[in-house]
Structures are given as C-alpha cells and as structure tokens.
Amino acid sequence: MTKPSRKPAVKRVSAVEIDAKIDAHVDICAVRYEGIEVQMRGMNARLKRIEAIFIGSAGAIILLLAHLATK
C-alpha cells in the first residue's frame, strides 16, 4: 500500500506584502511606459518628416505629369 502524498506547505502572504509588490510593479511599469512614450514621440516626428517627403514627391510627380501632358 502506498502512502498518501503530502502537499507541499503553502506560504501565506500577507495583504501588506502583496500591496508592496503591486506598488513596486506599478512603479516599474510607470518608468517603462515613460520610456515607451519618449520613443513614440520620436517615431511620430520621423513619420511626419517622411509624410512631408512623400507629399512633396507626389506633388512634384503630378506637376511633371501635367507638364508632359500639356506639351
């Protein structure tokens, strides 16, 4: 006959410890999201420059085609 298996002891964590862990996690995430926000602002500026280049290029192509069509 086999002995019944014993479950490992579960460590009880107090509400204060859980609250401290959650607060630490929130602080870490806040720092992480600040970094992400800075990166997104930089990407937004780059995308605006690329958009301006594309709009300028499209305008130039349209003017060139209009000039060639009127010859």
C-alpha atoms as a PDB file:
ATOM      1  CA  MET A   1       0.000   0.000   0.000  1.00  0.00           C
ATOM      2  CA  THR A   2       1.313   3.451  -0.876  1.00  0.00           C
ATOM      3  CA  LYS A   3       1.288   6.364   1.482  1.00  0.00           C
ATOM      4  CA  PRO A   4      -0.900   9.291   0.567  1.00  0.00           C
ATOM      5  CA  SER A   5       1.157  12.071  -0.941  1.00  0.00           C
ATOM      6  CA  ARG A   6       1.612  15.140   1.196  1.00  0.00           C
ATOM      7  CA  LYS A   7       1.033  18.504  -0.365  1.00  0.00           C
ATOM      8  CA  PRO A   8       3.866  20.967  -0.004  1.00  0.00           C
ATOM      9  CA  ALA A   9       3.324  23.656   2.577  1.00  0.00           C
ATOM     10  CA  VAL A  10       1.885  26.831   1.117  1.00  0.00           C
ATOM     11  CA  LYS A  11       3.469  30.043   2.317  1.00  0.00           C
ATOM     12  CA  ARG A  12       0.835  32.549   3.294  1.00  0.00           C
ATOM     13  CA  VAL A  13       1.495  36.060   2.086  1.00  0.00           C
ATOM     14  CA  SER A  14       0.004  38.964   3.960  1.00  0.00           C
ATOM     15  CA  ALA A  15      -2.030  41.692   2.301  1.00  0.00           C
ATOM     16  CA  VAL A  16       0.689  44.214   3.166  1.00  0.00           C
ATOM     17  CA  GLU A  17       3.309  42.180   1.270  1.00  0.00           C
ATOM     18  CA  ILE A  18       1.004  41.820  -1.715  1.00  0.00           C
ATOM     19  CA  ASP A  19       0.277  45.555  -1.676  1.00  0.00           C
ATOM     20  CA  ALA A  20       4.013  46.309  -1.559  1.00  0.00           C
ATOM     21  CA  LYS A  21       4.647  44.007  -4.531  1.00  0.00           C
ATOM     22  CA  ILE A  22       1.840  45.624  -6.516  1.00  0.00           C
ATOM     23  CA  ASP A  23       3.147  49.119  -5.704  1.00  0.00           C
ATOM     24  CA  ALA A  24       6.656  48.117  -6.820  1.00  0.00           C
ATOM     25  CA  HIS A  25       5.230  46.658 -10.033  1.00  0.00           C
ATOM     26  CA  VAL A  26       3.254  49.848 -10.725  1.00  0.00           C
ATOM     27  CA  ASP A  27       6.397  51.959 -10.213  1.00  0.00           C
ATOM     28  CA  ILE A  28       8.432  49.775 -12.581  1.00  0.00           C
ATOM     29  CA  CYS A  29       5.692  49.902 -15.214  1.00  0.00           C
ATOM     30  CA  ALA A  30       5.447  53.695 -14.919  1.00  0.00           C
ATOM     31  CA  VAL A  31       9.156  54.036 -15.687  1.00  0.00           C
ATOM     32  CA  ARG A  32       8.836  51.580 -18.573  1.00  0.00           C
ATOM     33  CA  TYR A  33       5.846  53.433 -20.064  1.00  0.00           C
ATOM     34  CA  GLU A  34       7.679  56.772 -19.817  1.00  0.00           C
ATOM     35  CA  GLY A  35      10.442  55.295 -21.965  1.00  0.00           C
ATOM     36  CA  ILE A  36       7.927  53.948 -24.449  1.00  0.00           C
ATOM     37  CA  GLU A  37       6.221  57.346 -24.634  1.00  0.00           C
ATOM     38  CA  VAL A  38       9.541  59.074 -25.417  1.00  0.00           C
ATOM     39  CA  GLN A  39      10.240  56.545 -28.166  1.00  0.00           C
ATOM     40  CA  MET A  40       6.764  57.036 -29.630  1.00  0.00           C
ATOM     41  CA  ARG A  41       7.255  60.828 -29.762  1.00  0.00           C
ATOM     42  CA  GLY A  42      10.498  60.313 -31.680  1.00  0.00           C
ATOM     43  CA  MET A  43       8.800  57.929 -34.086  1.00  0.00           C
ATOM     44  CA  ASN A  44       5.949  60.392 -34.585  1.00  0.00           C
ATOM     45  CA  ALA A  45       8.406  63.131 -35.574  1.00  0.00           C
ATOM     46  CA  ARG A  46      10.116  60.790 -38.059  1.00  0.00           C
ATOM     47  CA  LEU A  47       6.791  59.769 -39.567  1.00  0.00           C
ATOM     48  CA  LYS A  48       5.808  63.423 -40.045  1.00  0.00           C
ATOM     49  CA  ARG A  49       9.074  64.073 -41.919  1.00  0.00           C
ATOM     50  CA  ILE A  50       8.541  61.016 -44.126  1.00  0.00           C
ATOM     51  CA  GLU A  51       4.955  62.102 -44.784  1.00  0.00           C
ATOM     52  CA  ALA A  52       6.140  65.558 -45.851  1.00  0.00           C
ATOM     53  CA  ILE A  53       8.680  63.987 -48.223  1.00  0.00           C
ATOM     54  CA  PHE A  54       6.022  61.729 -49.760  1.00  0.00           C
ATOM     55  CA  ILE A  55       3.552  64.588 -50.205  1.00  0.00           C
ATOM     56  CA  GLY A  56       6.236  66.751 -51.799  1.00  0.00           C
ATOM     57  CA  SER A  57       7.290  63.918 -54.098  1.00  0.00           C
ATOM     58  CA  ALA A  58       3.699  63.197 -55.106  1.00  0.00           C
ATOM     59  CA  GLY A  59       3.140  66.892 -55.877  1.00  0.00           C
ATOM     60  CA  ALA A  60       6.292  67.021 -57.979  1.00  0.00           C
ATOM     61  CA  ILE A  61       5.257  63.918 -59.927  1.00  0.00           C
ATOM     62  CA  ILE A  62       1.773  65.328 -60.542  1.00  0.00           C
ATOM     63  CA  LEU A  63       3.221  68.633 -61.776  1.00  0.00           C
ATOM     64  CA  LEU A  64       5.703  66.804 -64.014  1.00  0.00           C
ATOM     65  CA  LEU A  65       2.935  64.640 -65.495  1.00  0.00           C
ATOM     66  CA  ALA A  66       0.715  67.692 -66.012  1.00  0.00           C
ATOM     67  CA  HIS A  67       3.584  69.479 -67.760  1.00  0.00           C
ATOM     68  CA  LEU A  68       4.239  66.479 -70.026  1.00  0.00           C
ATOM     69  CA  ALA A  69       0.525  66.126 -70.807  1.00  0.00           C
ATOM     70  CA  THR A  70       0.230  69.783 -71.898  1.00  0.00           C
ATOM     71  CA  LYS A  71       3.155  69.603 -74.381  1.00  0.00           C
END
